[in-house]
Amino acid sequence: MLPYVYRVTKYDPADRDRHGYYDGPEPSTSDHGPVEAAYLRAVAAFAEDTGIEQLAIREPQLGGFVHFGLEPPVDGYGLAGLFPAGPAGFHDGALVSIPVATELVRAMLRDNGAWCRLEAEGAFTVHVGWDQYLYIGSNLPCEAALARSRALGLFPERLDASPYDFAPDDPTYVQRPADADFWARLHWTVSTHRAVFLEEISASNASRWHRLTRDTIETVRSQLAPRAQLAVWPDLLTDVDKAVAALPDEGLVEVIREGEDGQITSMIVDETQFEAVTAQLAGARAAGVVSMYAGEDLPSFTAVLPDRDGVLRARWQTEPTPGDRDWAFLKTLRRGQVVTGTVTRIADFGVTFVDIGGFTAMIDIPELSWRPFGHPSDVVSVGQEVTAEVLDIDMVRERVPLSLRAVQEDPWPQVARRIGQVVTGPVTRILPQGVLVRVEDRDDGFEGLVHTSELDASPGENVVEVGDALTVKIIGVDVARRRVSLSQTQARATRPEGGSESGSA
């Protein structure tokens, strides 16, 4: 916040009533003459006193909805001739000279449809408010500019702050930047859906729409305005009749139309214009309808372009979508982090889905348990609270694989220490290369393979059946591959004559 803030107006403080409202003879619109010129000279005087030669445009807006168009809008929103690149130069962060800045102030005083904050960070601000109220802030007292303003017939008054100082809608909201992760996500989305639409907002109430395909995405990216807000939408409907059917009975909507020439235009309309819009859509290649009311028809995900150095300096806040909330949550996770969640579903193909803080993560079958099991429902159940470790965070596909077994003690080193033991356990399966025998006395006990060469029976003899108790010796444990090797013949040789097994399952 700057230490010196002044409200500079044409209104004599002596003409205010006891409530502070002005009731003198000055009109609330611009005279387009000497009074307007006095305002502009005052801005230049304060800039000169502060030593400022350039100002940055911040939070630009178009359409007259800030001051509700007290004067009729003009072509170009009062920006005509101010930017070499045309209205596209009116974007957040654009630097303008003091003469151009004063022309922007003129447009705002006339309420011609363009509005912005003009700022030199930490040094100087110019904000235009309602009814010809001008707010100038500086890091210096600007005594000469104050005297100049008074000599011009204006009335500067010291304030604590400008009512138009920027304040975020939600200070806790973390805005997603259009960084490498965003573009990788967008490429993946385009590849998955073949085409999506990108809405580019370089100034509030001014959208450009782009169809993104694998062939066009990088070209569109290179042409976006600096610091623009971006919103990714599903592709337009090629069945235009369905788009027309999506028009509500009443309300404000944005209608997007793609012509046969591929040009994309949009218009904001209400129910009084729906009939005319329907006629315009008749010759469209594709169309879509988006509600203008907060919380309705949200895009898939949004972002704001950072500067070339990767820093997000634009102060826009996009309306958060479920996809944006997922992104924000994923940014809080780290590999190896232990999380708690609730099992929400066990898919037929075995993957277990877990809700962790409103985001659905997944556990693949091998990560459910160190021990063998027949089905995931043998390990977890829907509604069960589980604790698991985050294995990875895939910011492109927005997936988080978890592991239950990672937070459990690995039993395999214990199994490895049992090499040489003789145990008795049931045969669980018969395989072409031998039989599997459970070597622990529990339903989820580990199994080992008795190769046919380690069986007492002669080759071809079917003397072992599932369920038979077999006495075997643990002759090897491959911890890396999770395999146990057993021998019936070595168990017989190890057992003392007339004695019993040295171990049991």
Foldseek 3Di string as FASTA:
>chain_A
DAAWKKKKFLADQVQADPVSHHDDDDFLADPVDLRLVLVLVLLVLLCVLLVHFKWWWAQKAFDLPQAVCPDEADPLLQCPPLDPVRPLLRFGGRIHGSVSVSSQVSSVRRSNTIATWIHDPPAWTWHAHGSGIIMIGGNDNSPVSCVSSVVSSMDMDTDRDDPPPDDAPDPVDDFAACDPLVVLLVLVVCVVQQWKKKWWARHHPDTAIDIDGPVCPVVVVVPGRAFIKIFIAGDFAQPLVVQLVPADCWAWKKKWFQAPVRHIDIDIDINVCSVVVSVVRPRTRGMHIFHPDPPGRGGQAIHTYPPPVPHNPHRDHDRGDPNNVLLVVLVVDDAFDKFKFFFADQDPVAWTWTQTPNDIAIEHPVQQALFDDDGSVVRDDGGDMAIWGFHDANSNVRYTYTHRHVPPDNCQVVVQVQAFAKAKFFFADADPQATWGFRDDDPRGDIAGAGPVQDPDDPPDPPHDGGDIAIWGFHGADSVVGHTYIHRNVQVVPAPVPHDGPYYD
